[in-house]
């Protein structure tokens, strides 16, 4: 996928970083939030979905994203890159502040149409992932899970992990959808794009 005609998110551009919900745009543009534990591959997944190499910063130091970063997609909506959570070397007070920012965004942001939750396929369903799923359930937000780094496991192991996590999700009344994804191999890219478009209220991209 190399053009906006094929990938509707290829025209995504950075708009603003927000440390507080009051700084977010006040309009009716639909937003999809990208959330996940630090080092789960969130920035890489966002870059791959938007066909950009450096749209979202890929850091070798997990936990660097401390703000809500918004990316505008013309005629479609916005992506909100939420702070990565759960990185042990970040001071506890800062982690608590990030958690409050994320929780409040999920709870009250009227623009939010759904959450793309990034999980490393080798370490899914951490306590932090479960907390995000609980927040989403309480706020009635649809969740689509990307089991990233699927290329790190063999085909059979990846499928088994997918089935295992899918069974764990059966406890949720509003069942999240889930798929395999690899930024390296582009595995699951078309499925992810189609699902996100649907969450945003689009069946096809508009020009």
N, C-alpha and C. Protein backbone atom coordinates (compact mmCIF):
# COMPACT_ATOMS: atom_id res chain seq x y z
N UNK A 1 0.85 -1.19 0.00
CA UNK A 1 0.00 0.00 0.00
C UNK A 1 0.89 1.24 0.00
N UNK A 2 0.83 1.99 -1.05
CA UNK A 2 1.76 3.10 -1.18
C UNK A 2 1.11 4.45 -1.38
N UNK A 3 -0.19 4.50 -1.52
CA UNK A 3 -0.83 5.79 -1.78
C UNK A 3 -2.12 5.90 -1.00
N UNK A 4 -2.60 7.16 -0.88
CA UNK A 4 -3.84 7.40 -0.15
C UNK A 4 -5.02 6.76 -0.84
N UNK A 5 -4.92 6.55 -2.18
CA UNK A 5 -6.02 5.91 -2.90
C UNK A 5 -6.20 4.47 -2.45
N UNK A 6 -5.11 3.84 -2.04
CA UNK A 6 -5.17 2.47 -1.58
C UNK A 6 -5.28 2.41 -0.05
N UNK A 7 -4.44 3.19 0.60
CA UNK A 7 -4.45 3.26 2.06
C UNK A 7 -5.04 4.60 2.48
N UNK A 8 -6.27 4.62 3.00
CA UNK A 8 -6.92 5.89 3.33
C UNK A 8 -6.24 6.67 4.44
N UNK A 9 -5.34 6.01 5.18
CA UNK A 9 -4.66 6.69 6.28
C UNK A 9 -3.29 7.23 5.90
N UNK A 10 -2.90 7.08 4.64
CA UNK A 10 -1.56 7.48 4.21
C UNK A 10 -1.35 8.99 4.26
N UNK A 11 -2.44 9.75 4.32
CA UNK A 11 -2.31 11.21 4.37
C UNK A 11 -2.31 11.74 5.81
N UNK A 12 -2.19 10.85 6.77
CA UNK A 12 -2.18 11.27 8.17
C UNK A 12 -1.01 12.20 8.45
N UNK A 13 -1.29 13.26 9.20
CA UNK A 13 -0.26 14.22 9.58
C UNK A 13 -0.41 14.58 11.05
N UNK A 14 0.73 14.81 11.70
CA UNK A 14 0.70 15.22 13.10
C UNK A 14 -0.04 16.55 13.24
N UNK A 15 -0.88 16.63 14.28
CA UNK A 15 -1.60 17.88 14.51
C UNK A 15 -1.20 18.55 15.82
N UNK A 16 -1.28 17.83 16.96
CA UNK A 16 -1.03 18.48 18.24
C UNK A 16 -0.70 17.42 19.31
N UNK A 17 0.07 17.83 20.31
CA UNK A 17 0.30 17.01 21.50
C UNK A 17 -0.40 17.67 22.67
N UNK A 18 -1.07 16.85 23.47
CA UNK A 18 -1.88 17.39 24.57
C UNK A 18 -1.52 16.72 25.89
N UNK A 19 -1.28 17.53 26.91
CA UNK A 19 -1.00 17.02 28.24
C UNK A 19 -2.25 17.02 29.11
N UNK A 20 -3.32 17.62 28.57
CA UNK A 20 -4.57 17.76 29.32
C UNK A 20 -5.72 17.68 28.33
N UNK A 21 -6.84 17.13 28.77
CA UNK A 21 -7.98 16.98 27.87
C UNK A 21 -8.50 18.31 27.36
N UNK A 22 -8.30 19.38 28.14
CA UNK A 22 -8.79 20.68 27.71
C UNK A 22 -8.06 21.20 26.47
N UNK A 23 -6.90 20.61 26.17
CA UNK A 23 -6.13 21.05 25.00
C UNK A 23 -6.57 20.36 23.72
N UNK A 24 -7.43 19.35 23.84
CA UNK A 24 -7.87 18.61 22.66
C UNK A 24 -8.82 19.46 21.81
N UNK A 25 -8.83 19.24 20.49
CA UNK A 25 -9.74 20.00 19.62
C UNK A 25 -11.20 19.81 20.03
N UNK A 26 -11.96 20.88 19.89
CA UNK A 26 -13.38 20.82 20.22
C UNK A 26 -14.17 20.85 18.92
N UNK A 27 -14.44 19.68 18.41
CA UNK A 27 -15.20 19.53 17.17
C UNK A 27 -15.86 18.16 17.20
N UNK A 28 -16.33 17.71 16.06
CA UNK A 28 -17.02 16.42 16.01
C UNK A 28 -16.27 15.39 15.18
N UNK A 29 -14.99 15.62 14.93
CA UNK A 29 -14.21 14.67 14.16
C UNK A 29 -14.07 13.34 14.91
N UNK A 30 -14.35 12.21 14.26
CA UNK A 30 -14.20 10.92 14.93
C UNK A 30 -12.74 10.61 15.21
N UNK A 31 -12.48 10.03 16.37
CA UNK A 31 -11.12 9.67 16.76
C UNK A 31 -11.03 8.19 17.09
N UNK A 32 -9.92 7.60 16.72
CA UNK A 32 -9.57 6.23 17.13
C UNK A 32 -8.31 6.33 17.97
N UNK A 33 -8.35 5.78 19.16
CA UNK A 33 -7.20 5.83 20.06
C UNK A 33 -6.36 4.57 19.91
N UNK A 34 -5.05 4.76 19.90
CA UNK A 34 -4.10 3.66 19.91
C UNK A 34 -3.50 3.59 21.31
N UNK A 35 -3.68 2.46 21.95
CA UNK A 35 -3.20 2.29 23.32
C UNK A 35 -2.42 0.99 23.44
N UNK A 36 -1.57 0.93 24.45
CA UNK A 36 -0.84 -0.30 24.66
C UNK A 36 0.29 -0.14 25.64
N UNK A 37 0.75 -1.25 26.14
CA UNK A 37 1.86 -1.24 27.07
C UNK A 37 3.12 -0.78 26.34
N UNK A 38 3.96 -0.04 27.04
CA UNK A 38 5.21 0.40 26.45
C UNK A 38 6.00 -0.79 25.92
N UNK A 39 6.57 -0.62 24.76
CA UNK A 39 7.39 -1.63 24.10
C UNK A 39 6.58 -2.76 23.48
N UNK A 40 5.26 -2.56 23.32
CA UNK A 40 4.43 -3.58 22.67
C UNK A 40 4.39 -3.40 21.16
N UNK A 41 4.97 -2.31 20.67
CA UNK A 41 4.99 -2.06 19.23
C UNK A 41 3.92 -1.10 18.76
N UNK A 42 3.45 -0.23 19.66
CA UNK A 42 2.35 0.68 19.32
C UNK A 42 2.75 1.67 18.22
N UNK A 43 3.90 2.33 18.39
CA UNK A 43 4.32 3.32 17.39
C UNK A 43 4.58 2.67 16.04
N UNK A 44 5.19 1.49 16.05
CA UNK A 44 5.46 0.78 14.80
C UNK A 44 4.16 0.41 14.10
N UNK A 45 3.17 -0.05 14.87
CA UNK A 45 1.88 -0.42 14.30
C UNK A 45 1.19 0.80 13.69
N UNK A 46 1.22 1.93 14.40
CA UNK A 46 0.60 3.16 13.90
C UNK A 46 1.28 3.62 12.62
N UNK A 47 2.60 3.57 12.60
CA UNK A 47 3.34 3.96 11.39
C UNK A 47 2.99 3.05 10.21
N UNK A 48 2.90 1.76 10.46
CA UNK A 48 2.59 0.80 9.40
C UNK A 48 1.19 1.02 8.86
N UNK A 49 0.23 1.23 9.74
CA UNK A 49 -1.15 1.44 9.33
C UNK A 49 -1.29 2.72 8.50
N UNK A 50 -0.46 3.71 8.79
CA UNK A 50 -0.51 4.98 8.05
C UNK A 50 0.50 5.04 6.91
N UNK A 51 1.24 3.96 6.70
CA UNK A 51 2.23 3.91 5.63
C UNK A 51 3.25 5.04 5.75
N UNK A 52 3.65 5.31 7.00
CA UNK A 52 4.68 6.30 7.30
C UNK A 52 5.79 5.62 8.09
N UNK A 53 7.02 6.02 7.85
CA UNK A 53 8.12 5.44 8.62
C UNK A 53 8.29 6.10 9.98
N UNK A 54 7.99 7.40 10.06
CA UNK A 54 8.26 8.12 11.30
C UNK A 54 7.11 9.03 11.71
N UNK A 55 5.88 8.64 11.40
CA UNK A 55 4.74 9.45 11.83
C UNK A 55 4.70 9.50 13.35
N UNK A 56 4.72 8.33 13.97
CA UNK A 56 4.81 8.23 15.43
C UNK A 56 6.24 7.84 15.77
N UNK A 57 6.81 8.49 16.72
CA UNK A 57 8.20 8.22 17.08
C UNK A 57 8.35 6.82 17.65
N UNK A 58 9.27 6.06 17.10
CA UNK A 58 9.59 4.73 17.62
C UNK A 58 10.81 4.88 18.50
N UNK A 59 10.62 4.75 19.80
CA UNK A 59 11.72 5.00 20.73
C UNK A 59 12.31 3.70 21.26
N UNK A 60 13.62 3.72 21.45
CA UNK A 60 14.28 2.58 22.08
C UNK A 60 14.14 2.64 23.59
N UNK A 61 13.59 3.74 24.09
CA UNK A 61 13.34 3.89 25.51
C UNK A 61 11.84 3.88 25.75
N UNK A 62 11.24 2.73 26.09
CA UNK A 62 9.79 2.68 26.29
C UNK A 62 9.33 3.68 27.34
N UNK A 63 8.16 4.23 27.12
CA UNK A 63 7.60 5.17 28.08
C UNK A 63 7.88 6.63 27.76
N UNK A 64 8.48 6.92 26.61
CA UNK A 64 8.80 8.31 26.29
C UNK A 64 7.57 9.11 25.89
N UNK A 65 6.57 8.45 25.33
CA UNK A 65 5.36 9.17 24.92
C UNK A 65 4.54 9.49 26.17
N UNK A 66 4.55 10.75 26.58
CA UNK A 66 3.88 11.15 27.82
C UNK A 66 2.63 11.99 27.55
N UNK A 67 2.36 12.23 26.29
CA UNK A 67 1.24 13.08 25.90
C UNK A 67 0.30 12.33 24.98
N UNK A 68 -0.90 12.87 24.80
CA UNK A 68 -1.79 12.37 23.76
C UNK A 68 -1.40 13.09 22.47
N UNK A 69 -0.92 12.32 21.49
CA UNK A 69 -0.52 12.89 20.20
C UNK A 69 -1.62 12.63 19.18
N UNK A 70 -2.11 13.68 18.56
CA UNK A 70 -3.18 13.57 17.58
C UNK A 70 -2.64 13.67 16.17
N UNK A 71 -3.15 12.79 15.30
CA UNK A 71 -2.78 12.79 13.89
C UNK A 71 -4.06 12.95 13.07
N UNK A 72 -4.06 13.93 12.17
CA UNK A 72 -5.24 14.26 11.36
C UNK A 72 -5.21 13.48 10.05
N UNK A 73 -6.34 12.85 9.70
CA UNK A 73 -6.49 12.20 8.41
C UNK A 73 -7.57 12.95 7.65
N UNK A 74 -7.22 13.68 6.60
CA UNK A 74 -8.19 14.52 5.89
C UNK A 74 -9.44 13.75 5.46
N UNK A 75 -10.60 14.34 5.75
CA UNK A 75 -11.91 13.80 5.35
C UNK A 75 -12.28 12.49 6.04
N UNK A 76 -11.48 12.06 7.00
CA UNK A 76 -11.78 10.80 7.69
C UNK A 76 -11.88 10.99 9.19
N UNK A 77 -10.90 11.62 9.81
CA UNK A 77 -10.93 11.80 11.26
C UNK A 77 -9.53 11.93 11.82
N UNK A 78 -9.34 11.41 13.02
CA UNK A 78 -8.04 11.52 13.69
C UNK A 78 -7.67 10.22 14.40
N UNK A 79 -6.37 10.02 14.55
CA UNK A 79 -5.83 8.99 15.42
C UNK A 79 -5.27 9.68 16.65
N UNK A 80 -5.53 9.10 17.81
CA UNK A 80 -4.97 9.60 19.07
C UNK A 80 -4.00 8.56 19.61
N UNK A 81 -2.73 8.91 19.62
CA UNK A 81 -1.70 8.02 20.15
C UNK A 81 -1.59 8.29 21.64
N UNK A 82 -2.08 7.35 22.45
CA UNK A 82 -2.10 7.54 23.89
C UNK A 82 -0.75 7.16 24.51
N UNK A 83 -0.43 7.73 25.68
CA UNK A 83 0.83 7.39 26.33
C UNK A 83 0.96 5.89 26.59
N UNK A 84 2.12 5.34 26.27
CA UNK A 84 2.36 3.94 26.59
C UNK A 84 2.36 3.75 28.10
N UNK A 85 1.82 2.64 28.56
CA UNK A 85 1.68 2.45 30.00
C UNK A 85 2.45 1.23 30.49
N UNK A 86 2.81 1.30 31.78
CA UNK A 86 3.36 0.12 32.43
C UNK A 86 4.85 -0.04 32.42
N UNK A 87 5.58 1.00 32.02
CA UNK A 87 7.03 0.83 31.98
C UNK A 87 7.63 1.07 33.35
N UNK A 88 8.37 0.10 33.87
CA UNK A 88 8.81 0.09 35.26
C UNK A 88 9.74 1.25 35.62
N UNK A 89 10.58 1.71 34.67
CA UNK A 89 11.57 2.73 35.01
C UNK A 89 10.99 4.14 35.07
N UNK A 90 9.74 4.30 34.67
CA UNK A 90 9.08 5.61 34.79
C UNK A 90 8.64 5.79 36.24
N UNK A 91 8.91 6.96 36.83
CA UNK A 91 8.51 7.20 38.23
C UNK A 91 7.03 6.94 38.46
N UNK A 92 6.72 6.42 39.64
CA UNK A 92 5.34 6.02 39.97
C UNK A 92 4.36 7.18 39.82
N UNK A 93 4.76 8.38 40.25
CA UNK A 93 3.86 9.53 40.17
C UNK A 93 3.53 9.85 38.72
N UNK A 94 4.53 9.71 37.85
CA UNK A 94 4.30 9.98 36.44
C UNK A 94 3.39 8.93 35.84
N UNK A 95 3.60 7.65 36.19
CA UNK A 95 2.73 6.58 35.70
C UNK A 95 1.30 6.83 36.12
N UNK A 96 1.11 7.29 37.35
CA UNK A 96 -0.24 7.56 37.85
C UNK A 96 -0.89 8.69 37.05
N UNK A 97 -0.09 9.72 36.73
CA UNK A 97 -0.62 10.83 35.93
C UNK A 97 -1.02 10.39 34.54
N UNK A 98 -0.19 9.55 33.91
CA UNK A 98 -0.52 9.03 32.58
C UNK A 98 -1.81 8.24 32.64
N UNK A 99 -1.92 7.39 33.68
CA UNK A 99 -3.11 6.56 33.81
C UNK A 99 -4.37 7.40 33.94
N UNK A 100 -4.28 8.49 34.69
CA UNK A 100 -5.43 9.38 34.85
C UNK A 100 -5.79 10.03 33.52
N UNK A 101 -4.76 10.46 32.79
CA UNK A 101 -4.99 11.10 31.49
C UNK A 101 -5.67 10.13 30.53
N UNK A 102 -5.16 8.91 30.45
CA UNK A 102 -5.73 7.91 29.56
C UNK A 102 -7.15 7.55 29.97
N UNK A 103 -7.35 7.29 31.27
CA UNK A 103 -8.66 6.91 31.75
C UNK A 103 -9.70 7.98 31.50
N UNK A 104 -9.34 9.23 31.74
CA UNK A 104 -10.28 10.32 31.51
C UNK A 104 -10.61 10.47 30.03
N UNK A 105 -9.60 10.31 29.18
CA UNK A 105 -9.83 10.39 27.74
C UNK A 105 -10.83 9.33 27.29
N UNK A 106 -10.59 8.09 27.73
CA UNK A 106 -11.48 6.99 27.36
C UNK A 106 -12.88 7.21 27.90
N UNK A 107 -12.97 7.78 29.07
CA UNK A 107 -14.26 7.92 29.74
C UNK A 107 -15.12 9.04 29.17
N UNK A 108 -14.52 10.19 28.86
CA UNK A 108 -15.34 11.37 28.56
C UNK A 108 -15.20 11.93 27.15
N UNK A 109 -14.20 11.51 26.39
CA UNK A 109 -13.99 12.12 25.06
C UNK A 109 -15.09 11.68 24.10
N UNK A 110 -15.96 12.61 23.75
CA UNK A 110 -17.12 12.27 22.92
C UNK A 110 -16.71 11.92 21.49
N UNK A 111 -15.57 12.40 21.03
CA UNK A 111 -15.11 12.09 19.67
C UNK A 111 -14.67 10.64 19.52
N UNK A 112 -14.34 9.98 20.61
CA UNK A 112 -13.73 8.65 20.57
C UNK A 112 -14.72 7.61 20.06
N UNK A 113 -14.36 6.95 18.96
CA UNK A 113 -15.22 5.94 18.35
C UNK A 113 -14.77 4.51 18.66
N UNK A 114 -13.53 4.36 19.06
CA UNK A 114 -13.04 3.02 19.36
C UNK A 114 -11.57 3.06 19.74
N UNK A 115 -11.09 1.94 20.26
CA UNK A 115 -9.71 1.84 20.73
C UNK A 115 -9.02 0.68 20.03
N UNK A 116 -7.85 0.95 19.48
CA UNK A 116 -6.99 -0.11 18.97
C UNK A 116 -5.98 -0.41 20.07
N UNK A 117 -6.11 -1.58 20.66
CA UNK A 117 -5.26 -1.97 21.79
C UNK A 117 -4.13 -2.86 21.29
N UNK A 118 -2.91 -2.40 21.50
CA UNK A 118 -1.72 -3.10 21.02
C UNK A 118 -1.18 -4.02 22.10
N UNK A 119 -1.03 -5.30 21.77
CA UNK A 119 -0.43 -6.27 22.70
C UNK A 119 0.67 -7.03 21.98
N UNK A 120 1.81 -7.15 22.61
CA UNK A 120 2.87 -8.02 22.11
C UNK A 120 2.36 -9.46 22.20
N UNK A 121 2.35 -10.15 21.07
CA UNK A 121 1.79 -11.50 21.04
C UNK A 121 2.48 -12.44 22.01
N UNK A 122 3.71 -12.14 22.38
CA UNK A 122 4.44 -12.99 23.31
C UNK A 122 4.10 -12.70 24.76
N UNK A 123 3.49 -11.52 25.01
CA UNK A 123 3.16 -11.13 26.39
C UNK A 123 1.80 -10.42 26.42
N UNK A 124 0.73 -11.11 26.02
CA UNK A 124 -0.58 -10.44 25.96
C UNK A 124 -1.30 -10.44 27.31
N UNK A 125 -2.32 -9.61 27.38
CA UNK A 125 -3.24 -9.59 28.53
C UNK A 125 -2.51 -9.36 29.86
N UNK A 126 -1.64 -8.33 29.85
CA UNK A 126 -1.00 -7.93 31.10
C UNK A 126 -2.04 -7.24 31.98
N UNK A 127 -1.66 -6.95 33.22
CA UNK A 127 -2.58 -6.24 34.11
C UNK A 127 -2.97 -4.88 33.52
N UNK A 128 -2.04 -4.25 32.83
CA UNK A 128 -2.32 -2.94 32.23
C UNK A 128 -3.30 -3.07 31.07
N UNK A 129 -3.14 -4.14 30.28
CA UNK A 129 -4.09 -4.38 29.18
C UNK A 129 -5.49 -4.61 29.74
N UNK A 130 -5.56 -5.39 30.80
CA UNK A 130 -6.86 -5.68 31.42
C UNK A 130 -7.51 -4.41 31.95
N UNK A 131 -6.68 -3.52 32.52
CA UNK A 131 -7.22 -2.25 33.01
C UNK A 131 -7.79 -1.43 31.86
N UNK A 132 -7.08 -1.39 30.75
CA UNK A 132 -7.60 -0.66 29.59
C UNK A 132 -8.90 -1.26 29.08
N UNK A 133 -8.96 -2.58 29.04
CA UNK A 133 -10.19 -3.25 28.61
C UNK A 133 -11.34 -2.93 29.56
N UNK A 134 -11.05 -2.88 30.85
CA UNK A 134 -12.09 -2.55 31.83
C UNK A 134 -12.58 -1.12 31.64
N UNK A 135 -11.65 -0.19 31.41
CA UNK A 135 -12.04 1.21 31.16
C UNK A 135 -12.93 1.28 29.93
N UNK A 136 -12.54 0.57 28.88
CA UNK A 136 -13.31 0.60 27.63
C UNK A 136 -14.70 0.02 27.83
N UNK A 137 -14.80 -1.06 28.60
CA UNK A 137 -16.10 -1.65 28.87
C UNK A 137 -17.00 -0.69 29.63
N UNK A 138 -16.45 -0.06 30.64
CA UNK A 138 -17.24 0.87 31.46
C UNK A 138 -17.74 2.05 30.64
N UNK A 139 -16.93 2.47 29.66
CA UNK A 139 -17.31 3.62 28.83
C UNK A 139 -18.01 3.20 27.55
N UNK A 140 -18.24 1.89 27.38
CA UNK A 140 -18.90 1.34 26.18
C UNK A 140 -18.15 1.71 24.91
N UNK A 141 -16.82 1.58 24.96
CA UNK A 141 -15.99 1.86 23.78
C UNK A 141 -15.61 0.55 23.10
N UNK A 142 -15.84 0.41 21.81
CA UNK A 142 -15.40 -0.79 21.09
C UNK A 142 -13.87 -0.88 21.11
N UNK A 143 -13.37 -2.11 21.20
CA UNK A 143 -11.93 -2.34 21.22
C UNK A 143 -11.56 -3.34 20.13
N UNK A 144 -10.52 -3.02 19.37
CA UNK A 144 -9.94 -3.96 18.41
C UNK A 144 -8.50 -4.21 18.83
N UNK A 145 -8.15 -5.45 19.07
CA UNK A 145 -6.82 -5.80 19.56
C UNK A 145 -5.92 -6.25 18.42
N UNK A 146 -4.73 -5.67 18.38
CA UNK A 146 -3.69 -6.14 17.46
C UNK A 146 -2.66 -6.91 18.27
N UNK A 147 -2.53 -8.20 17.99
CA UNK A 147 -1.45 -8.99 18.59
C UNK A 147 -0.22 -8.77 17.73
N UNK A 148 0.60 -7.80 18.13
CA UNK A 148 1.72 -7.38 17.31
C UNK A 148 2.91 -8.32 17.44
N UNK A 149 3.87 -8.12 16.54
CA UNK A 149 5.10 -8.90 16.49
C UNK A 149 4.81 -10.38 16.23
N UNK A 150 3.74 -10.62 15.44
CA UNK A 150 3.35 -12.00 15.13
C UNK A 150 4.46 -12.73 14.37
N UNK A 151 5.33 -11.97 13.72
CA UNK A 151 6.44 -12.60 12.99
C UNK A 151 7.47 -13.23 13.92
N UNK A 152 7.40 -12.89 15.22
CA UNK A 152 8.34 -13.45 16.20
C UNK A 152 7.99 -14.89 16.55
N UNK A 153 6.78 -15.32 16.21
CA UNK A 153 6.34 -16.70 16.48
C UNK A 153 6.06 -17.41 15.16
N UNK A 154 6.09 -18.71 15.17
CA UNK A 154 5.73 -19.48 13.99
C UNK A 154 4.23 -19.39 13.74
N UNK A 155 3.81 -19.86 12.57
CA UNK A 155 2.40 -19.77 12.19
C UNK A 155 1.50 -20.46 13.21
N UNK A 156 1.86 -21.69 13.57
CA UNK A 156 1.04 -22.44 14.51
C UNK A 156 0.99 -21.80 15.89
N UNK A 157 2.14 -21.34 16.37
CA UNK A 157 2.19 -20.71 17.69
C UNK A 157 1.39 -19.41 17.71
N UNK A 158 1.45 -18.65 16.62
CA UNK A 158 0.68 -17.41 16.54
C UNK A 158 -0.82 -17.68 16.60
N UNK A 159 -1.26 -18.68 15.83
CA UNK A 159 -2.68 -19.03 15.83
C UNK A 159 -3.13 -19.52 17.20
N UNK A 160 -2.30 -20.30 17.86
CA UNK A 160 -2.65 -20.79 19.19
C UNK A 160 -2.77 -19.64 20.19
N UNK A 161 -1.86 -18.68 20.09
CA UNK A 161 -1.92 -17.53 20.98
C UNK A 161 -3.16 -16.69 20.71
N UNK A 162 -3.51 -16.54 19.44
CA UNK A 162 -4.72 -15.81 19.07
C UNK A 162 -5.95 -16.47 19.68
N UNK A 163 -6.05 -17.79 19.57
CA UNK A 163 -7.19 -18.51 20.14
C UNK A 163 -7.22 -18.41 21.66
N UNK A 164 -6.06 -18.46 22.28
CA UNK A 164 -5.96 -18.37 23.73
C UNK A 164 -6.47 -17.02 24.24
N UNK A 165 -6.00 -15.94 23.61
CA UNK A 165 -6.44 -14.61 24.04
C UNK A 165 -7.92 -14.41 23.74
N UNK A 166 -8.38 -14.92 22.60
CA UNK A 166 -9.80 -14.80 22.25
C UNK A 166 -10.67 -15.45 23.32
N UNK A 167 -10.24 -16.58 23.84
CA UNK A 167 -11.00 -17.24 24.91
C UNK A 167 -11.01 -16.39 26.18
N UNK A 168 -9.89 -15.75 26.48
CA UNK A 168 -9.82 -14.90 27.67
C UNK A 168 -10.74 -13.68 27.55
N UNK A 169 -11.02 -13.28 26.34
CA UNK A 169 -11.87 -12.10 26.11
C UNK A 169 -13.36 -12.41 26.24
N UNK A 170 -13.70 -13.69 26.38
CA UNK A 170 -15.10 -14.08 26.45
C UNK A 170 -15.79 -13.57 27.71
N UNK A 171 -15.01 -13.13 28.70
CA UNK A 171 -15.61 -12.62 29.94
C UNK A 171 -16.21 -11.23 29.74
N UNK A 172 -15.87 -10.56 28.64
CA UNK A 172 -16.35 -9.19 28.44
C UNK A 172 -17.68 -9.19 27.72
N UNK A 173 -18.60 -8.39 28.24
CA UNK A 173 -19.94 -8.31 27.65
C UNK A 173 -19.87 -7.72 26.25
N UNK A 174 -19.10 -6.64 26.10
CA UNK A 174 -18.88 -6.05 24.79
C UNK A 174 -17.56 -6.63 24.28
N UNK A 175 -17.64 -7.74 23.55
CA UNK A 175 -16.47 -8.53 23.19
C UNK A 175 -15.54 -7.78 22.24
N UNK A 176 -14.28 -7.59 22.62
CA UNK A 176 -13.32 -6.99 21.69
C UNK A 176 -13.07 -7.90 20.50
N UNK A 177 -12.78 -7.31 19.36
CA UNK A 177 -12.32 -8.08 18.21
C UNK A 177 -10.80 -8.17 18.29
N UNK A 178 -10.22 -9.14 17.59
CA UNK A 178 -8.79 -9.38 17.74
C UNK A 178 -8.22 -9.97 16.46
N UNK A 179 -6.96 -9.67 16.19
CA UNK A 179 -6.30 -10.21 15.01
C UNK A 179 -4.79 -10.29 15.24
N UNK A 180 -4.12 -11.03 14.36
CA UNK A 180 -2.67 -11.06 14.33
C UNK A 180 -2.17 -9.88 13.52
N UNK A 181 -1.00 -9.35 13.90
CA UNK A 181 -0.45 -8.20 13.20
C UNK A 181 1.07 -8.22 13.29
N UNK A 182 1.72 -7.82 12.21
CA UNK A 182 3.17 -7.67 12.21
C UNK A 182 3.54 -6.45 11.40
N UNK A 183 4.18 -5.48 12.04
CA UNK A 183 4.66 -4.30 11.32
C UNK A 183 5.80 -4.68 10.38
N UNK A 184 6.58 -5.64 10.78
CA UNK A 184 7.72 -6.06 9.98
C UNK A 184 7.29 -6.71 8.68
N UNK A 185 6.32 -7.63 8.77
CA UNK A 185 5.87 -8.40 7.60
C UNK A 185 4.59 -7.88 6.98
N UNK A 186 3.99 -6.85 7.58
CA UNK A 186 2.71 -6.28 7.13
C UNK A 186 1.55 -7.28 7.29
N UNK A 187 1.75 -8.26 8.15
CA UNK A 187 0.69 -9.24 8.41
C UNK A 187 -0.52 -8.56 9.03
N UNK A 188 -1.70 -8.79 8.47
CA UNK A 188 -2.93 -8.27 9.05
C UNK A 188 -3.19 -6.80 8.77
N UNK A 189 -2.41 -6.18 7.89
CA UNK A 189 -2.54 -4.75 7.65
C UNK A 189 -3.90 -4.39 7.04
N UNK A 190 -4.30 -5.10 6.00
CA UNK A 190 -5.57 -4.79 5.35
C UNK A 190 -6.75 -4.99 6.30
N UNK A 191 -6.70 -6.04 7.11
CA UNK A 191 -7.77 -6.29 8.08
C UNK A 191 -7.84 -5.16 9.10
N UNK A 192 -6.68 -4.71 9.56
CA UNK A 192 -6.65 -3.62 10.54
C UNK A 192 -7.23 -2.34 9.97
N UNK A 193 -6.83 -2.00 8.75
CA UNK A 193 -7.34 -0.78 8.11
C UNK A 193 -8.85 -0.84 7.93
N UNK A 194 -9.34 -1.97 7.47
CA UNK A 194 -10.79 -2.12 7.26
C UNK A 194 -11.56 -2.00 8.57
N UNK A 195 -11.04 -2.61 9.62
CA UNK A 195 -11.71 -2.56 10.92
C UNK A 195 -11.74 -1.14 11.47
N UNK A 196 -10.61 -0.43 11.35
CA UNK A 196 -10.54 0.94 11.87
C UNK A 196 -11.47 1.86 11.09
N UNK A 197 -11.53 1.70 9.78
CA UNK A 197 -12.46 2.49 8.98
C UNK A 197 -13.90 2.29 9.43
N UNK A 198 -14.24 1.04 9.69
CA UNK A 198 -15.60 0.73 10.16
C UNK A 198 -15.88 1.40 11.49
N UNK A 199 -14.91 1.34 12.41
CA UNK A 199 -15.09 1.98 13.71
C UNK A 199 -15.29 3.49 13.57
N UNK A 200 -14.64 4.07 12.57
CA UNK A 200 -14.74 5.51 12.35
C UNK A 200 -16.00 5.90 11.60
N UNK A 201 -16.75 4.90 11.14
CA UNK A 201 -17.99 5.17 10.42
C UNK A 201 -17.83 5.27 8.93
N UNK A 202 -16.71 4.76 8.40
CA UNK A 202 -16.45 4.78 6.96
C UNK A 202 -16.36 3.35 6.44
N UNK A 203 -16.99 3.08 5.32
CA UNK A 203 -16.82 1.80 4.67
C UNK A 203 -15.73 1.89 3.59
N UNK A 204 -15.58 3.08 3.02
CA UNK A 204 -14.50 3.35 2.07
C UNK A 204 -13.94 4.72 2.38
N UNK A 205 -12.73 4.96 1.92
CA UNK A 205 -12.12 6.27 2.15
C UNK A 205 -12.77 7.31 1.25
N UNK A 206 -12.84 8.52 1.74
CA UNK A 206 -13.33 9.61 0.92
C UNK A 206 -12.14 10.43 0.43
N UNK A 207 -12.29 11.02 -0.72
CA UNK A 207 -11.17 11.78 -1.30
C UNK A 207 -11.20 13.22 -0.83
